[in-house]
Amino acid sequence: MAGDRALRHPPWLRVRIPAGETYQWLKQLMREASLHTVCEEANCPNLGECWSHRTATFLIMGDTCTRRCRFCNVRTGRPAPLDPGEPERVAQAVAEMGLRHAVVTSVDRDDLPDGGASHFAAVIRAIRARRPECTVEVLIPDFRGRVEPLRVVMDERPDVLNHNVETVPRLFRTVQPQCRYEWSLAVLKNAKRLWPQAVTKSGLMVGLGETVDEVLEVMRDLRAVEVDILTIGQYLQPTREHLPVARYYMPEEFDFFQERGYEMGFRWVASAPLVRSSYNAEEQARMLRAAVTPAPPAPSR
């Protein structure tokens, strides 16, 4: 139960404290552009390392989520209306940072008819208009399993379509009670149906009370819907109000998941204690897209 005594971090979990000129420059850039990053909002343990390499995951559609997942540090409540100028400001920041790969995610916006799909599409278009050499990865919500909002995003042909299942089916009601495992699988399955050449990606956390067999079953489910990239990392409790860590996995256990993942047919598997969804995303996209012929945006309907 949240509030119980937290487990002591094992010695292999060492988080780098954010510091340095590049970190300070990026922080100032984000504040001046009134932009949010999931790196900050979710207290990502890799923030210092990623920002020192000028990589960041943009958090669009505000910093307030309509869902209350018990692992997530993003605030919940009633979000503000969408900012029509945000796509251009994200694109400008991408250009100023000189990014070769941009990762864009969002809070859940169940208050919007399309869940924010059209805003994602606008951000993709703005980035490509301002910096066409930059590849774009979108980490999207589940859109409650609906195809039409997903179609709006896929019509823009994102270089990587990412949606995290986060945990095993048995723990969904505890970990993310407003989500459904079936919705997550539907997003990933339909992304390939809408564009068979799409590179799809998903990830999950371990340490919430799942078993190794349950993790392997989720991995098999993801391969069944042709997911290309898999990320697995250790869950870390953001605050005492969030779910406690049930156990810390050993580094060799993460190696085991990586080995099984490649045996199952994933094209890229990142599995380690501090791996998060966007960690090394640029390298993943560069290597995988090299083997895929890019497709132009779908024609307007």
Protein backbone atom coordinates (compact mmCIF):
# COMPACT_ATOMS: atom_id res chain seq x y z
CA MET A 1 0.00 0.00 0.00
CA ALA A 2 1.19 3.53 -0.80
CA GLY A 3 2.76 5.12 2.23
CA ASP A 4 4.38 1.89 3.45
CA ARG A 5 8.11 1.92 4.12
CA ALA A 6 9.92 2.09 0.81
CA LEU A 7 12.44 -0.55 -0.19
CA ARG A 8 16.04 0.61 -0.15
CA HIS A 9 17.47 1.26 -3.60
CA PRO A 10 19.92 -1.49 -4.62
CA PRO A 11 23.52 -0.47 -5.40
CA TRP A 12 23.10 -0.81 -9.19
CA LEU A 13 20.50 1.99 -9.23
CA ARG A 14 22.48 5.22 -9.43
CA VAL A 15 20.74 8.26 -10.87
CA ARG A 16 22.81 11.11 -12.27
CA ILE A 17 21.87 14.50 -10.79
CA PRO A 18 20.98 17.00 -13.57
CA ALA A 19 23.67 19.65 -13.96
CA GLY A 20 25.86 21.44 -16.49
CA GLU A 21 25.57 24.22 -19.04
CA THR A 22 23.57 22.22 -21.58
CA TYR A 23 21.04 21.20 -18.94
CA GLN A 24 20.58 24.79 -17.80
CA TRP A 25 20.29 26.01 -21.40
CA LEU A 26 17.61 23.44 -22.22
CA LYS A 27 15.69 24.24 -19.06
CA GLN A 28 15.69 27.93 -19.93
CA LEU A 29 14.67 27.18 -23.53
CA MET A 30 11.67 25.12 -22.39
CA ARG A 31 10.53 27.79 -19.93
CA GLU A 32 10.90 30.63 -22.43
CA ALA A 33 8.80 28.70 -24.96
CA SER A 34 6.22 27.73 -22.29
CA LEU A 35 6.83 24.06 -23.08
CA HIS A 36 6.69 21.02 -20.84
CA THR A 37 8.79 17.86 -20.93
CA VAL A 38 7.84 14.48 -19.57
CA CYS A 39 11.47 14.25 -18.45
CA GLU A 40 10.70 16.81 -15.72
CA GLU A 41 7.05 16.05 -15.04
CA ALA A 42 7.68 12.31 -14.53
CA ASN A 43 10.98 12.75 -12.66
CA CYS A 44 12.83 10.63 -15.22
CA PRO A 45 16.05 9.16 -13.79
CA ASN A 46 17.82 9.75 -17.12
CA LEU A 47 17.04 13.47 -17.32
CA GLY A 48 20.61 14.57 -16.67
CA GLU A 49 22.14 12.18 -19.20
CA CYS A 50 19.60 12.85 -21.95
CA TRP A 51 19.57 16.62 -21.58
CA SER A 52 23.36 16.72 -21.63
CA HIS A 53 23.05 15.18 -25.13
CA ARG A 54 20.34 17.69 -26.14
CA THR A 55 17.55 15.14 -26.20
CA ALA A 56 14.20 15.64 -24.50
CA THR A 57 10.66 14.29 -24.74
CA PHE A 58 8.14 17.06 -25.30
CA LEU A 59 4.92 16.85 -23.29
CA ILE A 60 2.10 18.47 -25.25
CA MET A 61 -1.49 19.45 -24.45
CA GLY A 62 -0.60 20.84 -21.02
CA ASP A 63 0.74 19.35 -17.82
CA THR A 64 -2.57 18.13 -16.35
CA CYS A 65 -3.88 14.62 -17.11
CA THR A 66 -7.49 13.42 -17.06
CA ARG A 67 -6.44 10.02 -15.71
CA ARG A 68 -5.01 9.10 -12.33
CA CYS A 69 -2.46 6.34 -12.84
CA ARG A 70 -0.91 5.28 -9.56
CA PHE A 71 2.65 5.08 -10.88
CA CYS A 72 2.77 8.46 -12.63
CA ASN A 73 3.97 11.77 -11.20
CA VAL A 74 2.12 13.96 -13.73
CA ARG A 75 -0.61 16.03 -12.07
CA THR A 76 -4.25 15.10 -12.62
CA GLY A 77 -7.41 17.20 -12.82
CA ARG A 78 -9.22 19.38 -15.35
CA PRO A 79 -6.82 20.37 -18.17
CA ALA A 80 -6.71 23.81 -19.75
CA PRO A 81 -7.95 24.27 -23.34
CA LEU A 82 -5.51 23.33 -26.07
CA ASP A 83 -2.98 25.97 -27.05
CA PRO A 84 -3.09 26.39 -30.86
CA GLY A 85 0.39 27.91 -30.83
CA GLU A 86 2.01 24.94 -29.13
CA PRO A 87 2.84 22.92 -32.29
CA GLU A 88 4.86 25.78 -33.73
CA ARG A 89 6.68 26.40 -30.43
CA VAL A 90 7.61 22.71 -30.20
CA ALA A 91 8.91 22.84 -33.77
CA GLN A 92 10.91 25.97 -33.01
CA ALA A 93 12.48 24.31 -29.96
CA VAL A 94 13.34 21.23 -32.04
CA ALA A 95 15.08 23.50 -34.57
CA GLU A 96 16.95 25.47 -31.90
CA MET A 97 18.14 22.25 -30.27
CA GLY A 98 19.26 20.93 -33.67
CA LEU A 99 17.50 17.62 -33.06
CA ARG A 100 17.80 14.73 -35.47
CA HIS A 101 15.05 12.83 -33.65
CA ALA A 102 12.18 14.36 -31.68
CA VAL A 103 10.00 12.47 -29.21
CA VAL A 104 6.55 13.91 -28.51
CA THR A 105 4.14 12.61 -25.89
CA SER A 106 1.13 13.98 -24.05
CA VAL A 107 -1.05 13.80 -21.02
CA ASP A 108 -4.27 11.84 -21.47
CA ARG A 109 -7.00 14.15 -22.73
CA ASP A 110 -10.24 12.19 -22.39
CA ASP A 111 -12.02 15.56 -22.33
CA LEU A 112 -11.33 16.03 -26.06
CA PRO A 113 -13.49 14.28 -28.70
CA ASP A 114 -10.44 12.86 -30.49
CA GLY A 115 -8.29 12.47 -27.40
CA GLY A 116 -5.86 15.04 -28.82
CA ALA A 117 -5.05 13.14 -32.01
CA SER A 118 -5.38 16.23 -34.24
CA HIS A 119 -2.98 18.13 -31.96
CA PHE A 120 -0.41 15.35 -32.32
CA ALA A 121 -0.84 15.57 -36.09
CA ALA A 122 -0.32 19.35 -36.01
CA VAL A 123 2.91 18.94 -34.03
CA ILE A 124 4.26 16.36 -36.50
CA ARG A 125 3.50 18.69 -39.43
CA ALA A 126 5.08 21.69 -37.69
CA ILE A 127 8.31 19.83 -36.88
CA ARG A 128 8.67 18.55 -40.43
CA ALA A 129 7.97 21.97 -41.90
CA ARG A 130 10.64 23.64 -39.77
CA ARG A 131 13.20 20.80 -39.60
CA PRO A 132 12.46 18.20 -42.30
CA GLU A 133 15.62 16.18 -41.58
CA CYS A 134 14.38 15.40 -38.07
CA THR A 135 12.60 12.08 -37.51
CA VAL A 136 9.54 12.17 -35.26
CA GLU A 137 8.47 9.64 -32.63
CA VAL A 138 5.08 10.03 -30.98
CA LEU A 139 4.27 8.36 -27.67
CA ILE A 140 0.50 8.43 -27.75
CA PRO A 141 -2.33 7.63 -25.32
CA ASP A 142 -4.64 4.68 -25.97
CA PHE A 143 -7.49 6.79 -27.45
CA ARG A 144 -9.73 4.29 -25.63
CA GLY A 145 -8.95 1.78 -28.38
CA ARG A 146 -10.68 3.82 -31.10
CA VAL A 147 -9.40 3.63 -34.67
CA GLU A 148 -10.40 7.06 -36.00
CA PRO A 149 -8.21 9.15 -33.67
CA LEU A 150 -5.33 6.79 -34.36
CA ARG A 151 -5.91 7.21 -38.09
CA VAL A 152 -5.45 10.98 -37.73
CA VAL A 153 -1.99 10.40 -36.24
CA MET A 154 -0.97 7.61 -38.62
CA ASP A 155 -1.96 9.67 -41.65
CA GLU A 156 1.04 11.89 -40.81
CA ARG A 157 3.37 8.86 -41.01
CA PRO A 158 5.30 9.27 -37.75
CA ASP A 159 8.72 7.64 -37.95
CA VAL A 160 7.99 5.71 -34.74
CA LEU A 161 4.54 5.09 -33.21
CA ASN A 162 4.97 4.40 -29.51
CA HIS A 163 2.36 3.36 -26.96
CA ASN A 164 3.31 1.79 -23.64
CA VAL A 165 1.31 -1.02 -22.08
CA GLU A 166 3.11 -0.14 -18.79
CA THR A 167 2.22 -3.30 -16.83
CA VAL A 168 0.72 -6.79 -17.02
CA PRO A 169 -3.06 -7.30 -17.50
CA ARG A 170 -3.64 -8.52 -13.93
CA LEU A 171 -2.35 -5.25 -12.48
CA PHE A 172 -4.09 -2.79 -14.81
CA ARG A 173 -6.93 -1.99 -12.37
CA THR A 174 -4.42 -1.33 -9.60
CA VAL A 175 -1.75 0.50 -11.57
CA GLN A 176 -3.79 2.39 -14.19
CA PRO A 177 -7.49 1.90 -13.36
CA GLN A 178 -8.83 4.11 -16.17
CA CYS A 179 -6.95 2.18 -18.84
CA ARG A 180 -7.55 -1.21 -20.46
CA TYR A 181 -4.99 -3.72 -21.69
CA GLU A 182 -7.22 -4.41 -24.70
CA TRP A 183 -7.17 -0.73 -25.67
CA SER A 184 -3.38 -0.68 -25.62
CA LEU A 185 -3.06 -3.78 -27.80
CA ALA A 186 -5.68 -2.37 -30.19
CA VAL A 187 -3.65 0.84 -30.68
CA LEU A 188 -0.51 -1.10 -31.56
CA LYS A 189 -2.33 -3.61 -33.76
CA ASN A 190 -4.30 -0.99 -35.67
CA ALA A 191 -1.24 1.20 -36.21
CA LYS A 192 0.21 -1.59 -38.36
CA ARG A 193 -3.11 -2.11 -40.13
CA LEU A 194 -3.33 1.58 -41.00
CA TRP A 195 0.28 1.65 -42.21
CA PRO A 196 2.00 -1.76 -42.51
CA GLN A 197 5.46 -0.13 -42.81
CA ALA A 198 5.10 1.67 -39.48
CA VAL A 199 7.76 1.14 -36.81
CA THR A 200 5.86 0.47 -33.58
CA LYS A 201 7.16 0.49 -30.05
CA SER A 202 5.93 -0.32 -26.55
CA GLY A 203 7.28 -0.63 -23.05
CA LEU A 204 6.51 -1.79 -19.56
CA MET A 205 7.73 -1.34 -16.01
CA VAL A 206 8.66 -4.19 -13.70
CA GLY A 207 8.64 -4.22 -9.94
CA LEU A 208 4.94 -3.59 -9.35
CA GLY A 209 4.08 -7.13 -8.26
CA GLU A 210 4.01 -8.96 -11.60
CA THR A 211 5.65 -12.34 -12.16
CA VAL A 212 8.34 -13.11 -14.71
CA ASP A 213 5.90 -15.36 -16.57
CA GLU A 214 3.41 -12.50 -16.79
CA VAL A 215 6.08 -10.22 -18.28
CA LEU A 216 6.93 -12.87 -20.86
CA GLU A 217 3.24 -13.23 -21.72
CA VAL A 218 2.95 -9.48 -22.35
CA MET A 219 6.03 -9.67 -24.56
CA ARG A 220 4.40 -12.45 -26.58
CA ASP A 221 1.21 -10.38 -26.90
CA LEU A 222 3.22 -7.43 -28.20
CA ARG A 223 4.96 -9.56 -30.79
CA ALA A 224 1.59 -10.98 -31.84
CA VAL A 225 0.60 -7.45 -32.91
CA GLU A 226 4.01 -6.99 -34.61
CA VAL A 227 5.57 -4.47 -32.23
CA ASP A 228 9.15 -3.74 -33.38
CA ILE A 229 10.78 -2.07 -30.36
CA LEU A 230 10.43 -3.09 -26.72
CA THR A 231 11.62 -1.23 -23.62
CA ILE A 232 11.64 -2.68 -20.09
CA GLY A 233 12.73 -0.77 -17.00
CA GLN A 234 12.49 -0.83 -13.22
CA TYR A 235 9.53 0.97 -11.64
CA LEU A 236 10.65 3.67 -9.18
CA GLN A 237 8.16 5.16 -6.74
CA PRO A 238 7.91 8.93 -7.48
CA THR A 239 6.49 9.90 -4.07
CA ARG A 240 5.11 8.18 -0.97
CA GLU A 241 1.62 8.77 -2.40
CA HIS A 242 2.29 6.48 -5.34
CA LEU A 243 2.41 2.70 -5.51
CA PRO A 244 5.38 1.26 -3.64
CA VAL A 245 8.02 -0.85 -5.35
CA ALA A 246 7.18 -4.52 -4.82
CA ARG A 247 10.71 -5.62 -5.64
CA TYR A 248 13.83 -4.57 -7.51
CA TYR A 249 14.90 -6.78 -10.40
CA MET A 250 18.55 -7.80 -10.70
CA PRO A 251 20.53 -6.61 -13.76
CA GLU A 252 20.80 -10.20 -14.99
CA GLU A 253 17.00 -10.47 -14.96
CA PHE A 254 16.83 -7.53 -17.34
CA ASP A 255 19.41 -9.30 -19.51
CA PHE A 256 17.12 -12.34 -19.49
CA PHE A 257 14.16 -10.27 -20.77
CA GLN A 258 16.37 -8.80 -23.49
CA GLU A 259 17.50 -12.23 -24.65
CA ARG A 260 13.94 -13.60 -24.68
CA GLY A 261 12.78 -10.49 -26.55
CA TYR A 262 15.21 -11.00 -29.40
CA GLU A 263 14.30 -14.68 -29.52
CA MET A 264 10.63 -13.66 -29.90
CA GLY A 265 11.49 -11.48 -32.90
CA PHE A 266 11.62 -7.90 -31.61
CA ARG A 267 13.90 -5.80 -33.78
CA TRP A 268 15.24 -3.82 -30.83
CA VAL A 269 15.04 -4.57 -27.10
CA ALA A 270 16.23 -2.15 -24.42
CA SER A 271 16.03 -3.80 -21.00
CA ALA A 272 17.87 -2.42 -17.96
CA PRO A 273 16.99 -0.92 -14.57
CA LEU A 274 16.95 2.73 -15.70
CA VAL A 275 15.59 2.19 -19.22
CA ARG A 276 12.62 4.41 -19.99
CA SER A 277 10.50 4.63 -23.11
CA SER A 278 12.50 7.39 -24.81
CA TYR A 279 15.97 6.28 -23.72
CA ASN A 280 18.27 6.02 -26.76
CA ALA A 281 15.23 6.66 -28.97
CA GLU A 282 17.31 8.45 -31.60
CA GLU A 283 19.64 5.50 -32.05
CA GLN A 284 16.71 3.07 -32.27
CA ALA A 285 14.92 5.15 -34.90
CA ARG A 286 18.04 5.75 -36.98
CA MET A 287 18.94 2.06 -37.24
CA LEU A 288 15.43 0.75 -37.79
CA ARG A 289 14.28 3.41 -40.25
CA ALA A 290 17.39 2.75 -42.36
CA ALA A 291 15.80 -0.56 -43.32
CA VAL A 292 12.39 0.94 -44.10
CA THR A 293 11.49 3.07 -47.10
CA PRO A 294 9.86 6.27 -45.77
CA ALA A 295 6.33 6.89 -46.97
CA PRO A 296 4.76 10.29 -47.65
CA PRO A 297 1.79 11.44 -45.54
CA ALA A 298 -1.49 9.80 -46.48
CA PRO A 299 -3.62 11.82 -48.90
CA SER A 300 -6.35 13.98 -47.42
CA ARG A 301 -9.71 12.27 -47.34
